[in-house]
Full PDB file with SEQRES, HELIX, SHEET, SSBOND, CRYST1, ORIGX, SCALE, CONECT and MASTER records, all heavy atoms in Angstrom:
SEQRES   1 A   36  PHE HIS ARG SER GLN GLY THR VAL THR LEU ARG HIS GLY          
SEQRES   2 A   36  ASN GLY ASN LEU VAL GLU GLY ASN LEU PHE ILE GLY GLY          
SEQRES   3 A   36  GLY GLU ALA ASN THR GLY GLY VAL ARG VAL                      
SHEET    1 AA1 2 GLY A   6  THR A   9  0                                        
SHEET    2 AA1 2 THR A  31  ARG A  35  1                                        
CRYST1    1.000    1.000    1.000  90.00  90.00  90.00 P 1           1          
ORIGX1      1.000000  0.000000  0.000000        0.00000                         
ORIGX2      0.000000  1.000000  0.000000        0.00000                         
ORIGX3      0.000000  0.000000  1.000000        0.00000                         
SCALE1      1.000000  0.000000  0.000000        0.00000                         
SCALE2      0.000000  1.000000  0.000000        0.00000                         
SCALE3      0.000000  0.000000  1.000000        0.00000                         
ATOM      1  N   PHE A   1     133.750-151.805  54.200  1.00  0.00           N  
ATOM      2  CA  PHE A   1     133.521-151.337  55.561  1.00  0.00           C  
ATOM      3  C   PHE A   1     134.630-150.342  55.885  1.00  0.00           C  
ATOM      4  O   PHE A   1     135.794-150.726  56.030  1.00  0.00           O  
ATOM      5  CB  PHE A   1     133.537-152.504  56.548  1.00  0.00           C  
ATOM      6  CG  PHE A   1     132.474-153.536  56.281  1.00  0.00           C  
ATOM      7  CD1 PHE A   1     132.701-154.560  55.366  1.00  0.00           C  
ATOM      8  CD2 PHE A   1     131.250-153.474  56.920  1.00  0.00           C  
ATOM      9  CE1 PHE A   1     131.726-155.512  55.096  1.00  0.00           C  
ATOM     10  CE2 PHE A   1     130.269-154.425  56.657  1.00  0.00           C  
ATOM     11  CZ  PHE A   1     130.508-155.443  55.745  1.00  0.00           C  
ATOM     12  N   HIS A   2     134.276-149.057  55.960  1.00  0.00           N  
ATOM     13  CA  HIS A   2     135.273-147.989  56.095  1.00  0.00           C  
ATOM     14  C   HIS A   2     135.076-147.244  57.411  1.00  0.00           C  
ATOM     15  O   HIS A   2     133.987-146.734  57.672  1.00  0.00           O  
ATOM     16  CB  HIS A   2     135.144-147.025  54.913  1.00  0.00           C  
ATOM     17  CG  HIS A   2     136.137-145.909  54.938  1.00  0.00           C  
ATOM     18  ND1 HIS A   2     135.822-144.613  54.566  1.00  0.00           N  
ATOM     19  CD2 HIS A   2     137.446-145.879  55.298  1.00  0.00           C  
ATOM     20  CE1 HIS A   2     136.889-143.849  54.683  1.00  0.00           C  
ATOM     21  NE2 HIS A   2     137.876-144.591  55.139  1.00  0.00           N  
ATOM     22  N   ARG A   3     136.118-147.209  58.238  1.00  0.00           N  
ATOM     23  CA  ARG A   3     136.089-146.479  59.504  1.00  0.00           C  
ATOM     24  C   ARG A   3     134.849-146.840  60.322  1.00  0.00           C  
ATOM     25  O   ARG A   3     134.213-145.972  60.939  1.00  0.00           O  
ATOM     26  CB  ARG A   3     136.143-144.967  59.249  1.00  0.00           C  
ATOM     27  CG  ARG A   3     137.435-144.502  58.592  1.00  0.00           C  
ATOM     28  CD  ARG A   3     137.369-143.041  58.200  1.00  0.00           C  
ATOM     29  NE  ARG A   3     137.218-142.195  59.379  1.00  0.00           N  
ATOM     30  CZ  ARG A   3     138.220-141.587  60.021  1.00  0.00           C  
ATOM     31  NH1 ARG A   3     139.457-141.735  59.577  1.00  0.00           N  
ATOM     32  NH2 ARG A   3     138.007-140.843  61.067  1.00  0.00           N  
ATOM     33  N   SER A   4     134.515-148.113  60.345  1.00  0.00           N  
ATOM     34  CA  SER A   4     133.341-148.588  61.071  1.00  0.00           C  
ATOM     35  C   SER A   4     133.793-149.452  62.242  1.00  0.00           C  
ATOM     36  O   SER A   4     134.465-150.478  62.047  1.00  0.00           O  
ATOM     37  CB  SER A   4     132.423-149.393  60.148  1.00  0.00           C  
ATOM     38  OG  SER A   4     131.854-148.562  59.157  1.00  0.00           O  
ATOM     39  N   GLN A   5     133.428-149.037  63.448  1.00  0.00           N  
ATOM     40  CA  GLN A   5     133.785-149.813  64.625  1.00  0.00           C  
ATOM     41  C   GLN A   5     132.941-151.081  64.664  1.00  0.00           C  
ATOM     42  O   GLN A   5     131.755-151.057  64.373  1.00  0.00           O  
ATOM     43  CB  GLN A   5     133.548-148.989  65.888  1.00  0.00           C  
ATOM     44  CG  GLN A   5     134.397-147.736  65.974  1.00  0.00           C  
ATOM     45  CD  GLN A   5     134.176-146.974  67.266  1.00  0.00           C  
ATOM     46  OE1 GLN A   5     133.931-147.557  68.313  1.00  0.00           O  
ATOM     47  NE2 GLN A   5     134.263-145.656  67.192  1.00  0.00           N  
ATOM     48  N   GLY A   6     133.568-152.194  65.053  1.00  0.00           N  
ATOM     49  CA  GLY A   6     132.853-153.449  65.151  1.00  0.00           C  
ATOM     50  C   GLY A   6     133.212-154.405  64.040  1.00  0.00           C  
ATOM     51  O   GLY A   6     134.193-154.214  63.313  1.00  0.00           O  
ATOM     52  N   THR A   7     132.402-155.451  63.885  1.00  0.00           N  
ATOM     53  CA  THR A   7     132.706-156.533  62.956  1.00  0.00           C  
ATOM     54  C   THR A   7     131.451-157.031  62.245  1.00  0.00           C  
ATOM     55  O   THR A   7     130.328-156.762  62.667  1.00  0.00           O  
ATOM     56  CB  THR A   7     133.318-157.741  63.701  1.00  0.00           C  
ATOM     57  OG1 THR A   7     132.337-158.295  64.586  1.00  0.00           O  
ATOM     58  CG2 THR A   7     134.554-157.354  64.485  1.00  0.00           C  
ATOM     59  N   VAL A   8     131.669-157.776  61.172  1.00  0.00           N  
ATOM     60  CA  VAL A   8     130.640-158.665  60.632  1.00  0.00           C  
ATOM     61  C   VAL A   8     130.648-159.889  61.542  1.00  0.00           C  
ATOM     62  O   VAL A   8     131.653-160.602  61.636  1.00  0.00           O  
ATOM     63  CB  VAL A   8     130.943-159.063  59.181  1.00  0.00           C  
ATOM     64  CG1 VAL A   8     129.984-160.155  58.717  1.00  0.00           C  
ATOM     65  CG2 VAL A   8     130.867-157.854  58.272  1.00  0.00           C  
ATOM     66  N   THR A   9     129.553-160.121  62.240  1.00  0.00           N  
ATOM     67  CA  THR A   9     129.507-161.151  63.272  1.00  0.00           C  
ATOM     68  C   THR A   9     128.556-162.265  62.866  1.00  0.00           C  
ATOM     69  O   THR A   9     127.359-162.026  62.675  1.00  0.00           O  
ATOM     70  CB  THR A   9     129.062-160.543  64.614  1.00  0.00           C  
ATOM     71  OG1 THR A   9     129.963-159.495  64.979  1.00  0.00           O  
ATOM     72  CG2 THR A   9     129.050-161.592  65.706  1.00  0.00           C  
ATOM     73  N   LEU A  10     129.087-163.466  62.746  1.00  0.00           N  
ATOM     74  CA  LEU A  10     128.263-164.645  62.463  1.00  0.00           C  
ATOM     75  C   LEU A  10     127.771-165.158  63.815  1.00  0.00           C  
ATOM     76  O   LEU A  10     128.268-166.139  64.358  1.00  0.00           O  
ATOM     77  CB  LEU A  10     129.081-165.685  61.697  1.00  0.00           C  
ATOM     78  CG  LEU A  10     129.747-165.146  60.423  1.00  0.00           C  
ATOM     79  CD1 LEU A  10     130.505-166.260  59.695  1.00  0.00           C  
ATOM     80  CD2 LEU A  10     128.730-164.490  59.490  1.00  0.00           C  
ATOM     81  N   ARG A  11     126.785-164.455  64.356  1.00  0.00           N  
ATOM     82  CA  ARG A  11     126.403-164.598  65.761  1.00  0.00           C  
ATOM     83  C   ARG A  11     125.616-165.875  66.032  1.00  0.00           C  
ATOM     84  O   ARG A  11     125.842-166.552  67.024  1.00  0.00           O  
ATOM     85  CB  ARG A  11     125.582-163.365  66.172  1.00  0.00           C  
ATOM     86  CG  ARG A  11     125.213-163.325  67.647  1.00  0.00           C  
ATOM     87  CD  ARG A  11     126.435-163.206  68.526  1.00  0.00           C  
ATOM     88  NE  ARG A  11     126.066-163.236  69.939  1.00  0.00           N  
ATOM     89  CZ  ARG A  11     125.926-164.357  70.645  1.00  0.00           C  
ATOM     90  NH1 ARG A  11     126.119-165.531  70.078  1.00  0.00           N  
ATOM     91  NH2 ARG A  11     125.594-164.297  71.926  1.00  0.00           N  
ATOM     92  N   HIS A  12     124.635-166.173  65.187  1.00  0.00           N  
ATOM     93  CA  HIS A  12     123.855-167.405  65.307  1.00  0.00           C  
ATOM     94  C   HIS A  12     123.619-167.939  63.901  1.00  0.00           C  
ATOM     95  O   HIS A  12     123.686-167.203  62.919  1.00  0.00           O  
ATOM     96  CB  HIS A  12     122.506-167.162  65.985  1.00  0.00           C  
ATOM     97  CG  HIS A  12     122.583-166.565  67.357  1.00  0.00           C  
ATOM     98  ND1 HIS A  12     123.214-167.178  68.410  1.00  0.00           N  
ATOM     99  CD2 HIS A  12     122.102-165.390  67.845  1.00  0.00           C  
ATOM    100  CE1 HIS A  12     123.114-166.421  69.490  1.00  0.00           C  
ATOM    101  NE2 HIS A  12     122.444-165.323  69.176  1.00  0.00           N  
ATOM    102  N   GLY A  13     123.262-169.210  63.803  1.00  0.00           N  
ATOM    103  CA  GLY A  13     122.991-169.786  62.491  1.00  0.00           C  
ATOM    104  C   GLY A  13     124.248-170.371  61.874  1.00  0.00           C  
ATOM    105  O   GLY A  13     125.377-170.012  62.228  1.00  0.00           O  
ATOM    106  N   ASN A  14     124.039-171.243  60.894  1.00  0.00           N  
ATOM    107  CA  ASN A  14     125.139-172.016  60.318  1.00  0.00           C  
ATOM    108  C   ASN A  14     125.219-171.833  58.806  1.00  0.00           C  
ATOM    109  O   ASN A  14     124.264-171.392  58.156  1.00  0.00           O  
ATOM    110  CB  ASN A  14     124.933-173.505  60.635  1.00  0.00           C  
ATOM    111  CG  ASN A  14     124.765-173.774  62.114  1.00  0.00           C  
ATOM    112  OD1 ASN A  14     125.534-173.265  62.931  1.00  0.00           O  
ATOM    113  ND2 ASN A  14     123.758-174.566  62.472  1.00  0.00           N  
ATOM    114  N   GLY A  15     126.370-172.188  58.253  1.00  0.00           N  
ATOM    115  CA  GLY A  15     126.519-172.234  56.808  1.00  0.00           C  
ATOM    116  C   GLY A  15     126.499-170.895  56.117  1.00  0.00           C  
ATOM    117  O   GLY A  15     126.004-170.777  54.991  1.00  0.00           O  
ATOM    118  N   ASN A  16     127.062-169.868  56.741  1.00  0.00           N  
ATOM    119  CA  ASN A  16     127.126-168.545  56.130  1.00  0.00           C  
ATOM    120  C   ASN A  16     128.464-168.338  55.421  1.00  0.00           C  
ATOM    121  O   ASN A  16     129.468-168.966  55.754  1.00  0.00           O  
ATOM    122  CB  ASN A  16     126.915-167.473  57.196  1.00  0.00           C  
ATOM    123  CG  ASN A  16     125.534-167.551  57.824  1.00  0.00           C  
ATOM    124  OD1 ASN A  16     124.541-167.242  57.174  1.00  0.00           O  
ATOM    125  ND2 ASN A  16     125.467-167.976  59.073  1.00  0.00           N  
ATOM    126  N   LEU A  17     128.478-167.413  54.472  1.00  0.00           N  
ATOM    127  CA  LEU A  17     129.665-167.136  53.664  1.00  0.00           C  
ATOM    128  C   LEU A  17     129.979-165.641  53.716  1.00  0.00           C  
ATOM    129  O   LEU A  17     129.111-164.806  53.431  1.00  0.00           O  
ATOM    130  CB  LEU A  17     129.425-167.560  52.216  1.00  0.00           C  
ATOM    131  CG  LEU A  17     130.483-167.155  51.180  1.00  0.00           C  
ATOM    132  CD1 LEU A  17     131.833-167.818  51.477  1.00  0.00           C  
ATOM    133  CD2 LEU A  17     130.015-167.531  49.774  1.00  0.00           C  
ATOM    134  N   VAL A  18     131.223-165.315  54.066  1.00  0.00           N  
ATOM    135  CA  VAL A  18     131.714-163.934  54.041  1.00  0.00           C  
ATOM    136  C   VAL A  18     132.879-163.910  53.063  1.00  0.00           C  
ATOM    137  O   VAL A  18     133.938-164.477  53.348  1.00  0.00           O  
ATOM    138  CB  VAL A  18     132.164-163.462  55.440  1.00  0.00           C  
ATOM    139  CG1 VAL A  18     132.650-162.016  55.387  1.00  0.00           C  
ATOM    140  CG2 VAL A  18     131.031-163.610  56.448  1.00  0.00           C  
ATOM    141  N   GLU A  19     132.694-163.270  51.912  1.00  0.00           N  
ATOM    142  CA  GLU A  19     133.751-163.339  50.903  1.00  0.00           C  
ATOM    143  C   GLU A  19     133.908-162.031  50.132  1.00  0.00           C  
ATOM    144  O   GLU A  19     132.952-161.300  49.881  1.00  0.00           O  
ATOM    145  CB  GLU A  19     133.469-164.472  49.911  1.00  0.00           C  
ATOM    146  CG  GLU A  19     132.290-164.260  48.990  1.00  0.00           C  
ATOM    147  CD  GLU A  19     132.212-165.305  47.886  1.00  0.00           C  
ATOM    148  OE1 GLU A  19     133.131-166.127  47.759  1.00  0.00           O  
ATOM    149  OE2 GLU A  19     131.210-165.306  47.153  1.00  0.00           O  
ATOM    150  N   GLY A  20     135.160-161.757  49.792  1.00  0.00           N  
ATOM    151  CA  GLY A  20     135.464-160.671  48.873  1.00  0.00           C  
ATOM    152  C   GLY A  20     135.151-159.286  49.387  1.00  0.00           C  
ATOM    153  O   GLY A  20     134.907-158.370  48.600  1.00  0.00           O  
ATOM    154  N   ASN A  21     135.161-159.087  50.719  1.00  0.00           N  
ATOM    155  CA  ASN A  21     134.889-157.777  51.297  1.00  0.00           C  
ATOM    156  C   ASN A  21     136.187-157.041  51.601  1.00  0.00           C  
ATOM    157  O   ASN A  21     137.243-157.653  51.784  1.00  0.00           O  
ATOM    158  CB  ASN A  21     134.082-157.927  52.587  1.00  0.00           C  
ATOM    159  CG  ASN A  21     132.772-158.653  52.380  1.00  0.00           C  
ATOM    160  OD1 ASN A  21     131.816-158.088  51.871  1.00  0.00           O  
ATOM    161  ND2 ASN A  21     132.729-159.931  52.751  1.00  0.00           N  
ATOM    162  N   LEU A  22     136.095-155.725  51.705  1.00  0.00           N  
ATOM    163  CA  LEU A  22     137.234-154.884  52.055  1.00  0.00           C  
ATOM    164  C   LEU A  22     136.914-154.147  53.351  1.00  0.00           C  
ATOM    165  O   LEU A  22     135.922-153.420  53.437  1.00  0.00           O  
ATOM    166  CB  LEU A  22     137.521-153.885  50.932  1.00  0.00           C  
ATOM    167  CG  LEU A  22     138.624-152.847  51.183  1.00  0.00           C  
ATOM    168  CD1 LEU A  22     139.973-153.524  51.408  1.00  0.00           C  
ATOM    169  CD2 LEU A  22     138.702-151.868  50.009  1.00  0.00           C  
ATOM    170  N   PHE A  23     137.765-154.343  54.356  1.00  0.00           N  
ATOM    171  CA  PHE A  23     137.619-153.693  55.656  1.00  0.00           C  
ATOM    172  C   PHE A  23     138.779-152.714  55.824  1.00  0.00           C  
ATOM    173  O   PHE A  23     139.942-153.127  55.801  1.00  0.00           O  
ATOM    174  CB  PHE A  23     137.656-154.722  56.783  1.00  0.00           C  
ATOM    175  CG  PHE A  23     136.539-155.733  56.758  1.00  0.00           C  
ATOM    176  CD1 PHE A  23     136.587-156.832  55.900  1.00  0.00           C  
ATOM    177  CD2 PHE A  23     135.443-155.613  57.604  1.00  0.00           C  
ATOM    178  CE1 PHE A  23     135.569-157.776  55.884  1.00  0.00           C  
ATOM    179  CE2 PHE A  23     134.425-156.555  57.593  1.00  0.00           C  
ATOM    180  CZ  PHE A  23     134.481-157.637  56.729  1.00  0.00           C  
ATOM    181  N   ILE A  24     138.475-151.421  56.005  1.00  0.00           N  
ATOM    182  CA  ILE A  24     139.504-150.393  56.121  1.00  0.00           C  
ATOM    183  C   ILE A  24     139.293-149.629  57.421  1.00  0.00           C  
ATOM    184  O   ILE A  24     138.249-148.994  57.618  1.00  0.00           O  
ATOM    185  CB  ILE A  24     139.463-149.416  54.930  1.00  0.00           C  
ATOM    186  CG1 ILE A  24     139.565-150.175  53.605  1.00  0.00           C  
ATOM    187  CG2 ILE A  24     140.581-148.395  55.030  1.00  0.00           C  
ATOM    188  CD1 ILE A  24     139.346-149.299  52.394  1.00  0.00           C  
ATOM    189  N   GLY A  25     140.296-149.661  58.311  1.00  0.00           N  
ATOM    190  CA  GLY A  25     140.157-148.990  59.600  1.00  0.00           C  
ATOM    191  C   GLY A  25     140.277-147.490  59.529  1.00  0.00           C  
ATOM    192  O   GLY A  25     139.612-146.778  60.267  1.00  0.00           O  
ATOM    193  N   GLY A  26     141.163-146.985  58.677  1.00  0.00           N  
ATOM    194  CA  GLY A  26     141.327-145.542  58.536  1.00  0.00           C  
ATOM    195  C   GLY A  26     141.749-144.843  59.812  1.00  0.00           C  
ATOM    196  O   GLY A  26     141.434-143.667  59.999  1.00  0.00           O  
ATOM    197  N   GLY A  27     142.466-145.557  60.695  1.00  0.00           N  
ATOM    198  CA  GLY A  27     142.925-144.950  61.931  1.00  0.00           C  
ATOM    199  C   GLY A  27     141.899-144.903  63.038  1.00  0.00           C  
ATOM    200  O   GLY A  27     142.173-144.408  64.131  1.00  0.00           O  
ATOM    201  N   GLU A  28     140.697-145.409  62.802  1.00  0.00           N  
ATOM    202  CA  GLU A  28     139.610-145.351  63.779  1.00  0.00           C  
ATOM    203  C   GLU A  28     139.763-146.469  64.811  1.00  0.00           C  
ATOM    204  O   GLU A  28     140.025-147.625  64.469  1.00  0.00           O  
ATOM    205  CB  GLU A  28     138.269-145.493  63.064  1.00  0.00           C  
ATOM    206  CG  GLU A  28     137.062-145.227  63.925  1.00  0.00           C  
ATOM    207  CD  GLU A  28     136.789-143.747  64.103  1.00  0.00           C  
ATOM    208  OE1 GLU A  28     137.320-142.935  63.325  1.00  0.00           O  
ATOM    209  OE2 GLU A  28     136.026-143.414  65.018  1.00  0.00           O  
ATOM    210  N   ALA A  29     139.584-146.140  66.097  1.00  0.00           N  
ATOM    211  CA  ALA A  29     139.634-147.143  67.158  1.00  0.00           C  
ATOM    212  C   ALA A  29     138.510-148.156  66.997  1.00  0.00           C  
ATOM    213  O   ALA A  29     137.440-147.847  66.467  1.00  0.00           O  
ATOM    214  CB  ALA A  29     139.528-146.463  68.520  1.00  0.00           C  
ATOM    215  N   ASN A  30     138.767-149.393  67.442  1.00  0.00           N  
ATOM    216  CA  ASN A  30     137.763-150.461  67.503  1.00  0.00           C  
ATOM    217  C   ASN A  30     137.274-150.929  66.146  1.00  0.00           C  
ATOM    218  O   ASN A  30     136.260-151.625  66.058  1.00  0.00           O  
ATOM    219  CB  ASN A  30     136.551-150.030  68.349  1.00  0.00           C  
ATOM    220  CG  ASN A  30     136.941-149.623  69.749  1.00  0.00           C  
ATOM    221  OD1 ASN A  30     137.725-150.296  70.399  1.00  0.00           O  
ATOM    222  ND2 ASN A  30     136.413-148.504  70.208  1.00  0.00           N  
ATOM    223  N   THR A  31     137.957-150.565  65.072  1.00  0.00           N  
ATOM    224  CA  THR A  31     137.565-151.086  63.758  1.00  0.00           C  
ATOM    225  C   THR A  31     138.002-152.542  63.653  1.00  0.00           C  
ATOM    226  O   THR A  31     139.142-152.895  63.942  1.00  0.00           O  
ATOM    227  CB  THR A  31     138.202-150.247  62.642  1.00  0.00           C  
ATOM    228  OG1 THR A  31     139.589-150.031  62.929  1.00  0.00           O  
ATOM    229  CG2 THR A  31     137.525-148.899  62.525  1.00  0.00           C  
ATOM    230  N   GLY A  32     137.066-153.399  63.239  1.00  0.00           N  
ATOM    231  CA  GLY A  32     137.333-154.826  63.199  1.00  0.00           C  
ATOM    232  C   GLY A  32     136.940-155.452  61.881  1.00  0.00           C  
ATOM    233  O   GLY A  32     136.575-154.759  60.918  1.00  0.00           O  
ATOM    234  N   GLY A  33     136.994-156.785  61.843  1.00  0.00           N  
ATOM    235  CA  GLY A  33     136.737-157.522  60.615  1.00  0.00           C  
ATOM    236  C   GLY A  33     135.580-158.492  60.739  1.00  0.00           C  
ATOM    237  O   GLY A  33     134.418-158.116  60.597  1.00  0.00           O  
ATOM    238  N   VAL A  34     135.907-159.772  61.018  1.00  0.00           N  
ATOM    239  CA  VAL A  34     134.888-160.823  61.053  1.00  0.00           C  
ATOM    240  C   VAL A  34     135.028-161.602  62.356  1.00  0.00           C  
ATOM    241  O   VAL A  34     136.137-161.954  62.777  1.00  0.00           O  
ATOM    242  CB  VAL A  34     135.037-161.780  59.855  1.00  0.00           C  
ATOM    243  CG1 VAL A  34     134.004-162.894  59.927  1.00  0.00           C  
ATOM    244  CG2 VAL A  34     134.903-161.017  58.541  1.00  0.00           C  
ATOM    245  N   ARG A  35     133.879-161.892  62.988  1.00  0.00           N  
ATOM    246  CA  ARG A  35     133.848-162.723  64.196  1.00  0.00           C  
ATOM    247  C   ARG A  35     133.015-163.961  63.909  1.00  0.00           C  
ATOM    248  O   ARG A  35     131.867-163.859  63.452  1.00  0.00           O  
ATOM    249  CB  ARG A  35     133.263-161.921  65.362  1.00  0.00           C  
ATOM    250  CG  ARG A  35     133.263-162.674  66.682  1.00  0.00           C  
ATOM    251  CD  ARG A  35     133.212-161.744  67.887  1.00  0.00           C  
ATOM    252  NE  ARG A  35     132.014-160.940  67.928  1.00  0.00           N  
ATOM    253  CZ  ARG A  35     131.053-161.060  68.862  1.00  0.00           C  
ATOM    254  NH1 ARG A  35     131.167-161.968  69.812  1.00  0.00           N  
ATOM    255  NH2 ARG A  35     130.003-160.266  68.846  1.00  0.00           N  
ATOM    256  N   VAL A  36     133.590-165.141  64.190  1.00  0.00           N  
ATOM    257  CA  VAL A  36     132.986-166.415  63.797  1.00  0.00           C  
ATOM    258  C   VAL A  36     132.512-167.188  65.025  1.00  0.00           C  
ATOM    259  O   VAL A  36     133.253-167.367  65.994  1.00  0.00           O  
ATOM    260  CB  VAL A  36     133.998-167.264  63.001  1.00  0.00           C  
ATOM    261  CG1 VAL A  36     133.456-168.665  62.765  1.00  0.00           C  
ATOM    262  CG2 VAL A  36     134.300-166.591  61.664  1.00  0.00           C  
TER     263      VAL A  36                                                      
MASTER        0    0    0    0    2    0    0    6  262    1    0    3          
END                                                                             
């Protein structure tokens, strides 16, 4: 995830897996990671 505003959001549902990802802000505002 490169220079992407927002997050990977586990918004609804259970038992999900987020693994081995690379999140790079690159100086961009509002770049985020994971919301649980």
